[in-house]
Amino acid sequence: MAIVSNVQVASAGQADRPSNPDRVPALENGDRLSLAEFERRYTSMLDVKKAELIQGVVYMGSPVRHNEHGGPHLEIAGLLMIYKAHTPGVDAGDNSSVRIRPRSVLQPDLLLRLDAARGGQCVVAQDGYLEGAPELVFEIAASSVGIDSTDKLNLYERGGTREYLIWRTEDRQIDCLIRLGERLMPYAFEDNNPNDIYKSAAFPGLWFDFKAILEGRLTDALATLNAGIASEEHRAFVNSFVKELAT
């Protein structure tokens, strides 16, 4: 269908068809939409599982491969769920739509956020969607690695996300970016940390053994997480929230 000066021109045979003002147009890759129009179309498309609006441009998700996405996604989701279960005042999300105004709606694979009682910057709006950048975002990236590590990184950086993790499954690498001032910068593993244990600053006691995760040693990855949950830093984090609730 030809487009002339942003006015849609009907192709032959369409001019006589009755219009349906109630019909919601489908989302298409590359559409340029307002946040409200994106949400209107996305809500009407029940068969679409993932679509994002990045600086006003629509990006549709590709079919999900098991080894490159579905399996790794489940592994990280399980670890985050265990951490949430032991940490009051922390919430987790799986493919939750997140509004980052004015022109973006992201759908991170996984996220952790602090509750408002803990001073969290990402809140649940009245319509049930999240607004504001979560404190921690974890993306499982195969075909999406280019945009995850550029445009989406910039949005999370500007929005105030404190930790941004990208598992590049085809490259067998996990990128760790943490907030330093106004920027998200690569996490510096300590010299005495031979197993590359990632220790979250935003969520004390959230420890990831990335070497074990990449090698498929899930029992070892779980043992590392449990050690973090049993640590003094996690205990202090939990106790601080309990005291805040009591006052």
Protein backbone atom coordinates (compact mmCIF):
# COMPACT_ATOMS: atom_id res chain seq x y z
CA MET A 1 0.00 0.00 0.00
CA ALA A 2 1.52 3.30 -1.08
CA ILE A 3 2.17 6.06 1.40
CA VAL A 4 2.18 9.65 0.11
CA SER A 5 2.93 12.54 2.49
CA ASN A 6 1.89 10.40 5.46
CA VAL A 7 -1.61 9.94 3.96
CA GLN A 8 -2.62 6.35 3.29
CA VAL A 9 -3.92 5.87 -0.25
CA ALA A 10 -6.44 3.09 -0.84
CA SER A 11 -5.41 0.50 -3.41
CA ALA A 12 -7.71 -0.49 -6.24
CA GLY A 13 -10.98 -2.00 -5.04
CA GLN A 14 -10.71 -0.71 -1.47
CA ALA A 15 -12.38 2.67 -1.86
CA ASP A 16 -15.88 1.20 -1.94
CA ARG A 17 -15.41 -1.01 1.13
CA PRO A 18 -17.20 0.24 4.27
CA SER A 19 -14.80 1.39 6.98
CA ASN A 20 -14.86 -0.13 10.44
CA PRO A 21 -14.09 2.57 13.01
CA ASP A 22 -13.95 -0.04 15.80
CA ARG A 23 -11.18 -2.07 14.17
CA VAL A 24 -7.83 -1.70 15.93
CA PRO A 25 -4.88 -1.77 13.52
CA ALA A 26 -2.28 -4.48 14.06
CA LEU A 27 1.21 -3.70 15.28
CA GLU A 28 3.94 -3.95 12.67
CA ASN A 29 7.70 -3.84 13.04
CA GLY A 30 8.91 -0.31 12.42
CA ASP A 31 5.60 1.43 13.17
CA ARG A 32 6.08 4.88 14.67
CA LEU A 33 3.47 5.32 17.39
CA SER A 34 2.67 7.26 20.49
CA LEU A 35 2.84 5.37 23.78
CA ALA A 36 -0.97 5.38 24.09
CA GLU A 37 -1.54 4.09 20.54
CA PHE A 38 1.09 1.37 20.98
CA GLU A 39 -0.64 0.12 24.13
CA ARG A 40 -4.06 0.24 22.44
CA ARG A 41 -2.87 -1.95 19.57
CA TYR A 42 -0.77 -4.29 21.70
CA THR A 43 -3.65 -4.91 24.13
CA SER A 44 -5.93 -5.90 21.24
CA MET A 45 -3.45 -8.46 19.80
CA LEU A 46 -3.90 -11.41 22.14
CA ASP A 47 -1.70 -13.66 19.99
CA VAL A 48 1.36 -11.40 20.31
CA LYS A 49 3.55 -12.26 23.30
CA LYS A 50 6.23 -9.60 23.03
CA ALA A 51 6.38 -6.16 21.46
CA GLU A 52 8.24 -3.07 22.55
CA LEU A 53 8.12 0.63 21.78
CA ILE A 54 11.63 2.08 21.78
CA GLN A 55 11.81 5.83 21.28
CA GLY A 56 8.51 5.73 19.41
CA VAL A 57 9.41 2.80 17.12
CA VAL A 58 7.75 -0.65 17.37
CA TYR A 59 9.92 -3.76 17.69
CA MET A 60 8.27 -7.19 17.51
CA GLY A 61 9.81 -10.26 19.13
CA SER A 62 11.09 -13.18 17.04
CA PRO A 63 10.01 -16.80 17.64
CA VAL A 64 11.71 -18.12 20.77
CA ARG A 65 14.31 -20.90 20.42
CA HIS A 66 14.72 -23.20 23.41
CA ASN A 67 18.52 -23.45 23.71
CA GLU A 68 19.11 -19.79 22.92
CA HIS A 69 16.31 -18.31 25.00
CA GLY A 70 13.63 -20.46 26.63
CA GLY A 71 15.97 -22.65 28.70
CA PRO A 72 18.34 -19.87 29.89
CA HIS A 73 15.35 -17.66 30.66
CA LEU A 74 13.89 -20.31 32.97
CA GLU A 75 17.21 -20.81 34.78
CA ILE A 76 17.64 -17.13 35.65
CA ALA A 77 13.95 -16.77 36.50
CA GLY A 78 14.28 -19.62 39.00
CA LEU A 79 17.22 -17.98 40.74
CA LEU A 80 15.45 -14.63 40.95
CA MET A 81 12.31 -16.27 42.31
CA ILE A 82 14.30 -17.95 45.09
CA TYR A 83 15.91 -14.63 46.00
CA LYS A 84 12.52 -12.90 46.08
CA ALA A 85 11.10 -15.63 48.32
CA HIS A 86 13.77 -14.88 50.94
CA THR A 87 13.77 -11.09 50.62
CA PRO A 88 10.76 -9.03 51.74
CA GLY A 89 10.35 -5.70 50.01
CA VAL A 90 11.58 -7.06 46.67
CA ASP A 91 9.42 -7.90 43.66
CA ALA A 92 10.26 -9.81 40.46
CA GLY A 93 8.76 -9.75 36.98
CA ASP A 94 8.84 -11.97 33.89
CA ASN A 95 8.12 -10.17 30.59
CA SER A 96 6.27 -7.36 32.37
CA SER A 97 5.68 -4.29 30.22
CA VAL A 98 7.48 -1.24 31.63
CA ARG A 99 6.62 2.31 30.60
CA ILE A 100 9.62 4.58 30.33
CA ARG A 101 8.09 7.86 29.33
CA PRO A 102 7.57 9.67 27.14
CA ARG A 103 7.95 7.34 24.11
CA SER A 104 9.01 3.87 25.23
CA VAL A 105 7.38 0.70 26.53
CA LEU A 106 9.97 -2.01 27.20
CA GLN A 107 9.33 -5.64 28.05
CA PRO A 108 12.44 -6.96 29.81
CA ASP A 109 12.81 -10.71 30.01
CA LEU A 110 13.31 -10.55 33.78
CA LEU A 111 13.47 -7.82 36.40
CA LEU A 112 13.86 -7.18 40.10
CA ARG A 113 12.49 -4.04 41.68
CA LEU A 114 12.34 -2.52 45.12
CA ASP A 115 8.89 -1.93 46.59
CA ALA A 116 7.82 1.65 47.17
CA ALA A 117 8.33 1.08 50.92
CA ARG A 118 12.01 0.52 50.16
CA GLY A 119 12.22 3.62 47.96
CA GLY A 120 11.78 1.76 44.67
CA GLN A 121 11.66 3.88 41.53
CA CYS A 122 9.54 1.45 39.45
CA VAL A 123 5.88 1.39 40.49
CA VAL A 124 2.71 -0.43 39.49
CA ALA A 125 0.34 2.01 37.80
CA GLN A 126 -3.43 1.96 38.33
CA ASP A 127 -3.91 -0.06 35.13
CA GLY A 128 -1.45 -2.73 36.32
CA TYR A 129 1.53 -1.84 34.12
CA LEU A 130 4.93 -0.89 35.53
CA GLU A 131 6.17 2.67 35.23
CA GLY A 132 9.79 3.72 35.64
CA ALA A 133 12.99 1.76 35.16
CA PRO A 134 13.41 -1.30 37.44
CA GLU A 135 16.48 -1.41 39.66
CA LEU A 136 17.73 -4.62 37.97
CA VAL A 137 17.02 -5.87 34.45
CA PHE A 138 18.16 -9.21 33.03
CA GLU A 139 17.84 -9.81 29.28
CA ILE A 140 18.34 -13.15 27.52
CA ALA A 141 19.65 -12.07 24.13
CA ALA A 142 20.16 -14.06 20.94
CA SER A 143 18.65 -12.32 17.91
CA SER A 144 17.93 -9.22 20.03
CA VAL A 145 21.48 -8.70 21.26
CA GLY A 146 22.08 -5.65 19.06
CA ILE A 147 19.18 -3.62 20.37
CA ASP A 148 19.50 -4.91 23.95
CA SER A 149 23.05 -3.59 24.16
CA THR A 150 22.41 -0.23 22.46
CA ASP A 151 18.99 1.47 22.40
CA LYS A 152 17.54 -0.40 25.38
CA LEU A 153 20.75 0.05 27.35
CA ASN A 154 20.52 3.81 26.76
CA LEU A 155 16.90 3.91 27.94
CA TYR A 156 17.63 1.96 31.12
CA GLU A 157 20.67 4.12 31.73
CA ARG A 158 18.67 7.34 31.44
CA GLY A 159 15.78 5.85 33.44
CA GLY A 160 17.96 5.06 36.45
CA THR A 161 18.32 1.27 36.31
CA ARG A 162 21.11 0.30 38.68
CA GLU A 163 22.12 -3.04 37.19
CA TYR A 164 21.69 -4.33 33.63
CA LEU A 165 22.66 -7.90 32.79
CA ILE A 166 22.64 -9.35 29.26
CA TRP A 167 23.16 -13.07 28.65
CA ARG A 168 24.39 -13.27 25.05
CA THR A 169 23.51 -16.92 24.60
CA GLU A 170 25.03 -17.40 21.15
CA ASP A 171 28.31 -15.87 22.35
CA ARG A 172 28.18 -17.73 25.69
CA GLN A 173 28.85 -14.50 27.54
CA ILE A 174 27.04 -12.53 30.25
CA ASP A 175 27.56 -8.77 30.24
CA CYS A 176 27.26 -7.07 33.64
CA LEU A 177 26.67 -3.33 33.75
CA ILE A 178 26.29 -1.39 36.99
CA ARG A 179 25.49 2.23 37.67
CA LEU A 180 28.42 4.52 38.27
CA GLY A 181 27.11 8.07 38.51
CA GLU A 182 24.92 8.68 35.46
CA ARG A 183 26.27 5.76 33.43
CA LEU A 184 25.90 1.98 33.32
CA MET A 185 29.46 0.69 33.21
CA PRO A 186 31.01 -2.83 33.05
CA TYR A 187 31.20 -4.58 36.41
CA ALA A 188 34.79 -5.09 37.59
CA PHE A 189 35.27 -8.57 39.03
CA GLU A 190 37.75 -8.64 41.88
CA ASP A 191 41.13 -10.32 41.41
CA ASN A 192 40.36 -12.72 44.29
CA ASN A 193 37.11 -13.80 42.64
CA PRO A 194 38.24 -16.69 40.39
CA ASN A 195 34.73 -17.98 39.66
CA ASP A 196 33.39 -14.60 38.53
CA ILE A 197 30.78 -14.39 41.25
CA TYR A 198 28.56 -11.39 40.56
CA LYS A 199 27.41 -9.74 43.78
CA SER A 200 24.55 -7.32 43.32
CA ALA A 201 24.84 -3.91 44.93
CA ALA A 202 21.15 -3.04 44.57
CA PHE A 203 20.05 -6.38 46.03
CA PRO A 204 22.47 -7.54 48.75
CA GLY A 205 22.87 -11.30 48.83
CA LEU A 206 21.93 -11.77 45.18
CA TRP A 207 24.99 -13.69 44.03
CA PHE A 208 25.34 -15.16 40.53
CA ASP A 209 28.01 -17.73 39.66
CA PHE A 210 28.14 -16.92 35.96
CA LYS A 211 30.79 -19.53 35.20
CA ALA A 212 28.54 -22.24 36.64
CA ILE A 213 25.50 -20.84 34.82
CA LEU A 214 27.27 -20.77 31.46
CA GLU A 215 28.56 -24.31 31.97
CA GLY A 216 25.13 -25.62 32.94
CA ARG A 217 26.11 -26.45 36.54
CA LEU A 218 22.84 -25.33 38.05
CA THR A 219 23.45 -27.05 41.40
CA ASP A 220 26.60 -24.95 41.85
CA ALA A 221 24.76 -21.80 40.74
CA LEU A 222 22.05 -22.51 43.31
CA ALA A 223 24.65 -23.14 46.04
CA THR A 224 26.21 -19.74 45.33
CA LEU A 225 22.83 -18.02 45.52
CA ASN A 226 22.03 -19.78 48.79
CA ALA A 227 25.37 -18.63 50.19
CA GLY A 228 24.45 -15.06 49.30
CA ILE A 229 21.04 -15.40 50.94
CA ALA A 230 22.75 -16.74 54.08
CA SER A 231 25.31 -13.92 54.12
CA GLU A 232 25.47 -11.11 56.64
CA GLU A 233 24.84 -8.51 53.92
CA HIS A 234 21.53 -10.15 53.02
CA ARG A 235 20.54 -10.49 56.67
CA ALA A 236 21.21 -6.79 57.24
CA PHE A 237 19.22 -5.90 54.11
CA VAL A 238 16.19 -7.88 55.30
CA ASN A 239 16.44 -6.57 58.88
CA SER A 240 16.60 -2.97 57.69
CA PHE A 241 13.28 -3.41 55.89
CA VAL A 242 11.65 -5.12 58.85
CA LYS A 243 12.71 -2.22 61.08
CA GLU A 244 11.33 0.32 58.58
CA LEU A 245 7.95 -1.43 58.66
CA ALA A 246 7.94 -1.45 62.44
CA THR A 247 8.49 2.31 62.75
